Structure formats: structure tokens, C-alpha cells
N, C-alpha and C. Protein backbone atom coordinates (compact mmCIF):
# COMPACT_ATOMS: atom_id res chain seq x y z
N MET A 1 38.20 -122.55 26.51
CA MET A 1 36.96 -122.58 27.21
C MET A 1 36.10 -121.41 26.80
N PHE A 2 34.82 -121.61 26.85
CA PHE A 2 33.94 -120.58 26.35
C PHE A 2 32.93 -120.12 27.38
N GLY A 3 32.67 -118.84 27.42
CA GLY A 3 31.57 -118.18 28.09
C GLY A 3 31.19 -118.66 29.47
N ASP A 4 29.92 -118.99 29.59
CA ASP A 4 29.34 -119.31 30.89
C ASP A 4 29.98 -120.53 31.53
N VAL A 5 30.37 -121.51 30.75
CA VAL A 5 31.00 -122.71 31.31
C VAL A 5 32.32 -122.34 31.97
N ALA A 6 33.11 -121.51 31.31
CA ALA A 6 34.40 -121.10 31.88
C ALA A 6 34.20 -120.33 33.17
N VAL A 7 33.24 -119.41 33.21
CA VAL A 7 32.98 -118.63 34.42
C VAL A 7 32.49 -119.55 35.54
N THR A 8 31.65 -120.51 35.21
CA THR A 8 31.17 -121.47 36.21
C THR A 8 32.33 -122.24 36.81
N LEU A 9 33.25 -122.71 35.97
CA LEU A 9 34.40 -123.47 36.45
C LEU A 9 35.32 -122.59 37.31
N LEU A 10 35.51 -121.35 36.92
CA LEU A 10 36.33 -120.45 37.73
C LEU A 10 35.71 -120.24 39.10
N LYS A 11 34.39 -120.09 39.14
CA LYS A 11 33.71 -119.93 40.42
C LYS A 11 33.80 -121.20 41.26
N MET A 12 33.74 -122.36 40.61
CA MET A 12 33.91 -123.62 41.33
C MET A 12 35.30 -123.70 41.97
N ALA A 13 36.28 -123.07 41.33
CA ALA A 13 37.65 -123.06 41.84
C ALA A 13 37.84 -122.01 42.93
N GLY A 14 36.80 -121.24 43.22
CA GLY A 14 36.88 -120.24 44.27
C GLY A 14 37.22 -118.84 43.79
N HIS A 15 37.28 -118.65 42.49
CA HIS A 15 37.55 -117.33 41.92
C HIS A 15 36.22 -116.61 41.72
N SER A 16 36.26 -115.29 41.61
CA SER A 16 35.04 -114.52 41.42
C SER A 16 34.41 -114.76 40.05
N GLY A 17 35.22 -115.22 39.09
CA GLY A 17 34.72 -115.43 37.74
C GLY A 17 34.86 -114.21 36.86
N THR A 18 35.56 -113.19 37.34
CA THR A 18 35.74 -111.99 36.54
C THR A 18 36.62 -112.27 35.33
N VAL A 19 36.32 -111.58 34.24
CA VAL A 19 37.09 -111.71 33.01
C VAL A 19 37.39 -110.30 32.53
N PRO A 20 38.65 -109.94 32.35
CA PRO A 20 39.86 -110.74 32.51
C PRO A 20 40.14 -111.01 33.99
N GLY A 21 40.99 -112.00 34.22
CA GLY A 21 41.32 -112.38 35.58
C GLY A 21 42.58 -113.20 35.63
N ALA A 22 42.94 -113.60 36.86
CA ALA A 22 44.17 -114.38 37.03
C ALA A 22 44.14 -115.13 38.34
N LEU A 23 44.90 -116.19 38.39
CA LEU A 23 45.21 -116.91 39.62
C LEU A 23 46.72 -116.85 39.79
N LEU A 24 47.16 -116.39 40.93
CA LEU A 24 48.60 -116.36 41.20
C LEU A 24 49.08 -117.76 41.54
N ALA A 25 50.34 -118.01 41.25
CA ALA A 25 50.91 -119.35 41.44
C ALA A 25 50.66 -119.90 42.84
N GLY A 26 50.76 -119.06 43.85
CA GLY A 26 50.55 -119.51 45.22
C GLY A 26 49.12 -119.88 45.54
N ASP A 27 48.18 -119.37 44.76
CA ASP A 27 46.75 -119.65 44.98
C ASP A 27 46.25 -120.86 44.19
N ILE A 28 47.05 -121.33 43.25
CA ILE A 28 46.59 -122.39 42.34
C ILE A 28 46.33 -123.72 43.04
N PRO A 29 47.19 -124.19 43.94
CA PRO A 29 46.89 -125.49 44.57
C PRO A 29 45.53 -125.52 45.28
N ALA A 30 45.19 -124.45 46.01
CA ALA A 30 43.89 -124.41 46.70
C ALA A 30 42.75 -124.34 45.68
N ALA A 31 42.92 -123.54 44.63
CA ALA A 31 41.89 -123.43 43.60
C ALA A 31 41.69 -124.77 42.91
N LEU A 32 42.77 -125.47 42.64
CA LEU A 32 42.70 -126.77 41.99
C LEU A 32 41.96 -127.76 42.88
N ALA A 33 42.27 -127.76 44.16
CA ALA A 33 41.59 -128.66 45.09
C ALA A 33 40.09 -128.37 45.15
N ARG A 34 39.72 -127.08 45.18
CA ARG A 34 38.29 -126.71 45.20
C ARG A 34 37.60 -127.15 43.92
N LEU A 35 38.27 -126.92 42.78
CA LEU A 35 37.68 -127.30 41.50
C LEU A 35 37.48 -128.81 41.42
N GLU A 36 38.49 -129.57 41.79
CA GLU A 36 38.36 -131.04 41.74
C GLU A 36 37.26 -131.52 42.68
N HIS A 37 37.18 -130.95 43.88
CA HIS A 37 36.14 -131.35 44.83
C HIS A 37 34.76 -131.00 44.28
N ALA A 38 34.62 -129.79 43.74
CA ALA A 38 33.33 -129.36 43.20
C ALA A 38 32.92 -130.19 41.99
N ALA A 39 33.89 -130.57 41.16
CA ALA A 39 33.59 -131.38 39.97
C ALA A 39 33.07 -132.75 40.39
N VAL A 40 33.68 -133.35 41.41
CA VAL A 40 33.22 -134.65 41.91
C VAL A 40 31.85 -134.52 42.57
N ALA A 41 31.70 -133.49 43.41
CA ALA A 41 30.42 -133.28 44.09
C ALA A 41 29.32 -132.94 43.08
N GLY A 42 29.69 -132.23 42.03
CA GLY A 42 28.71 -131.84 41.03
C GLY A 42 28.29 -132.96 40.11
N ALA A 43 29.00 -134.07 40.14
CA ALA A 43 28.66 -135.19 39.27
C ALA A 43 27.26 -135.71 39.56
N GLU A 44 26.83 -135.62 40.82
CA GLU A 44 25.49 -136.09 41.15
C GLU A 44 24.41 -135.15 40.64
N GLU A 45 24.78 -133.92 40.32
CA GLU A 45 23.83 -132.97 39.75
C GLU A 45 24.07 -132.79 38.25
N ALA A 46 24.67 -133.77 37.63
CA ALA A 46 25.07 -133.67 36.22
C ALA A 46 23.91 -133.31 35.31
N GLY A 47 22.75 -133.81 35.59
CA GLY A 47 21.60 -133.52 34.74
C GLY A 47 21.26 -132.05 34.73
N LYS A 48 21.41 -131.38 35.87
CA LYS A 48 21.09 -129.96 35.96
C LYS A 48 22.18 -129.10 35.31
N ALA A 49 23.44 -129.52 35.46
CA ALA A 49 24.56 -128.68 35.04
C ALA A 49 25.15 -129.11 33.70
N SER A 50 24.50 -130.00 33.00
CA SER A 50 25.04 -130.49 31.75
C SER A 50 24.68 -129.60 30.59
N VAL A 51 25.52 -129.62 29.61
CA VAL A 51 25.32 -128.82 28.41
C VAL A 51 25.44 -129.74 27.21
N ARG A 52 24.50 -129.63 26.30
CA ARG A 52 24.58 -130.45 25.09
C ARG A 52 25.56 -129.82 24.12
N PRO A 53 26.29 -130.65 23.39
CA PRO A 53 27.18 -130.10 22.36
C PRO A 53 26.37 -129.24 21.38
N ASP A 54 26.98 -128.20 20.88
CA ASP A 54 26.30 -127.27 19.97
C ASP A 54 25.62 -127.99 18.81
N ASP A 55 24.39 -127.61 18.55
CA ASP A 55 23.64 -128.08 17.38
C ASP A 55 23.51 -129.59 17.30
N ASP A 56 23.48 -130.28 18.43
CA ASP A 56 23.36 -131.73 18.37
C ASP A 56 22.39 -132.20 19.44
N GLU A 57 21.11 -132.19 19.11
CA GLU A 57 20.06 -132.57 20.04
C GLU A 57 20.12 -134.04 20.43
N ASP A 58 20.72 -134.89 19.59
CA ASP A 58 20.74 -136.33 19.85
C ASP A 58 21.92 -136.77 20.73
N SER A 59 22.91 -135.90 20.91
CA SER A 59 24.07 -136.25 21.72
C SER A 59 23.72 -136.16 23.20
N PRO A 60 24.34 -137.01 24.01
CA PRO A 60 24.11 -136.91 25.46
C PRO A 60 24.72 -135.63 26.00
N PRO A 61 24.20 -135.11 27.12
CA PRO A 61 24.77 -133.90 27.69
C PRO A 61 26.20 -134.13 28.18
N VAL A 62 26.98 -133.06 28.17
CA VAL A 62 28.36 -133.11 28.64
C VAL A 62 28.39 -132.45 30.02
N GLY A 63 28.72 -133.22 31.05
CA GLY A 63 28.71 -132.70 32.42
C GLY A 63 29.87 -131.75 32.68
N LEU A 64 29.71 -130.94 33.72
CA LEU A 64 30.76 -129.99 34.07
C LEU A 64 32.03 -130.69 34.51
N GLY A 65 31.92 -131.89 35.07
CA GLY A 65 33.12 -132.63 35.46
C GLY A 65 34.02 -132.89 34.26
N LEU A 66 33.40 -133.27 33.16
CA LEU A 66 34.17 -133.51 31.93
C LEU A 66 34.67 -132.19 31.35
N ARG A 67 33.86 -131.18 31.40
CA ARG A 67 34.28 -129.87 30.89
C ARG A 67 35.40 -129.27 31.74
N ALA A 68 35.49 -129.67 33.00
CA ALA A 68 36.52 -129.14 33.90
C ALA A 68 37.89 -129.75 33.61
N TYR A 69 37.93 -130.88 32.95
CA TYR A 69 39.19 -131.61 32.75
C TYR A 69 40.31 -130.75 32.17
N PRO A 70 40.10 -129.98 31.09
CA PRO A 70 41.21 -129.17 30.56
C PRO A 70 41.71 -128.13 31.56
N LEU A 71 40.80 -127.54 32.33
CA LEU A 71 41.21 -126.56 33.33
C LEU A 71 41.97 -127.22 34.46
N VAL A 72 41.54 -128.41 34.88
CA VAL A 72 42.26 -129.16 35.90
C VAL A 72 43.68 -129.45 35.42
N GLN A 73 43.82 -129.88 34.18
CA GLN A 73 45.15 -130.17 33.62
C GLN A 73 46.01 -128.92 33.56
N LEU A 74 45.43 -127.80 33.15
CA LEU A 74 46.15 -126.54 33.07
C LEU A 74 46.62 -126.11 34.45
N LEU A 75 45.72 -126.17 35.44
CA LEU A 75 46.09 -125.76 36.80
C LEU A 75 47.11 -126.71 37.41
N THR A 76 47.02 -127.99 37.11
CA THR A 76 48.00 -128.96 37.60
C THR A 76 49.39 -128.63 37.06
N ALA A 77 49.47 -128.35 35.78
CA ALA A 77 50.75 -128.00 35.16
C ALA A 77 51.28 -126.68 35.71
N ALA A 78 50.40 -125.70 35.89
CA ALA A 78 50.83 -124.41 36.43
C ALA A 78 51.34 -124.56 37.86
N ALA A 79 50.67 -125.38 38.66
CA ALA A 79 51.11 -125.61 40.04
C ALA A 79 52.47 -126.29 40.06
N ALA A 80 52.67 -127.25 39.19
CA ALA A 80 53.95 -127.98 39.14
C ALA A 80 55.11 -127.06 38.74
N GLN A 81 54.80 -126.07 37.90
CA GLN A 81 55.85 -125.17 37.40
C GLN A 81 55.90 -123.84 38.16
N GLY A 82 54.98 -123.65 39.10
CA GLY A 82 54.95 -122.40 39.86
C GLY A 82 54.59 -121.19 39.03
N CYS A 83 53.67 -121.38 38.07
CA CYS A 83 53.28 -120.30 37.15
C CYS A 83 51.93 -119.71 37.54
N ASP A 84 51.75 -118.43 37.23
CA ASP A 84 50.45 -117.78 37.33
C ASP A 84 49.61 -118.21 36.13
N VAL A 85 48.29 -118.10 36.25
CA VAL A 85 47.39 -118.38 35.13
C VAL A 85 46.52 -117.14 34.92
N MET A 86 46.49 -116.66 33.69
CA MET A 86 45.70 -115.48 33.36
C MET A 86 44.74 -115.81 32.22
N TRP A 87 43.62 -115.10 32.17
CA TRP A 87 42.65 -115.30 31.09
C TRP A 87 42.00 -113.98 30.74
N GLU A 88 41.47 -113.94 29.55
CA GLU A 88 40.73 -112.78 29.06
C GLU A 88 39.73 -113.25 28.02
N ARG A 89 38.84 -112.36 27.65
CA ARG A 89 37.88 -112.69 26.59
C ARG A 89 38.61 -112.78 25.27
N ASP A 90 38.18 -113.70 24.44
CA ASP A 90 38.78 -113.83 23.11
C ASP A 90 38.35 -112.65 22.26
N GLN A 91 39.30 -112.02 21.65
CA GLN A 91 39.05 -110.88 20.77
C GLN A 91 39.32 -111.32 19.34
N PRO A 92 38.35 -111.21 18.46
CA PRO A 92 38.62 -111.59 17.07
C PRO A 92 39.72 -110.68 16.50
N SER A 93 40.60 -111.29 15.75
CA SER A 93 41.71 -110.56 15.17
C SER A 93 41.29 -109.86 13.89
N VAL A 94 41.51 -108.56 13.82
CA VAL A 94 41.14 -107.78 12.64
C VAL A 94 42.16 -107.98 11.53
N ASN A 95 43.42 -108.11 11.91
CA ASN A 95 44.50 -108.18 10.93
C ASN A 95 45.07 -109.57 10.78
N SER A 96 44.23 -110.60 10.88
CA SER A 96 44.75 -111.95 10.76
C SER A 96 45.13 -112.24 9.31
N PRO A 97 46.27 -112.92 9.12
CA PRO A 97 46.70 -113.22 7.75
C PRO A 97 45.79 -114.27 7.11
N ILE A 98 45.63 -114.16 5.84
CA ILE A 98 44.81 -115.11 5.09
C ILE A 98 45.74 -115.90 4.17
N GLY A 99 45.48 -117.20 4.12
CA GLY A 99 46.19 -118.00 3.14
C GLY A 99 47.28 -118.75 3.71
């Protein structure tokens, strides 16, 4: 997930949206329920909250409900396994191998 969309989804789940951040395993079911409820409720405002795919003016906008799907799946799996979920900003790797 990238930038503003990720922060928006975290806030929809009831988190402050801080990066780096985390959800503890015990908090995930409630966060998941809030996110799913907000995604459904936000579907009626899809035009306002939609984002067009990068560099593609002709493509239809992608609503937050669709963008929330990977996070919903991640939180569902974490809840089932009793795992915490942590995130941070992506840092480009200086020493990445080539070839």
C-alpha cells in the first residue's frame, strides 16, 4: 500500500494513521470491523474518494472499498492467527544486489 491511501485506510480502521505504526492482535478484530463498515459506507461516496490508476486518464477511478481489500485480507489472516500487524515507510535499499 502506498502513501495517502494507506493512511486513509488505517484511519478508517480506527488507527491514528501514524507511520510507523502497529495494531496489536487483540485490537485487530475491532479494527477490521470498522474498516469493513467504513468501506461499505464509503461506497456511496466513491466518486469523492476514488483514485485513478497512475498515468491513466482513461481508466475508471478505483474506489477505496476496492483498495481496502488487501488490508482486509491481511487483517483477517492476522486475526485468525492471533498476530500483530506492523507497518513502516518503505525505505529504498542502498545495497540491493544487482543481477
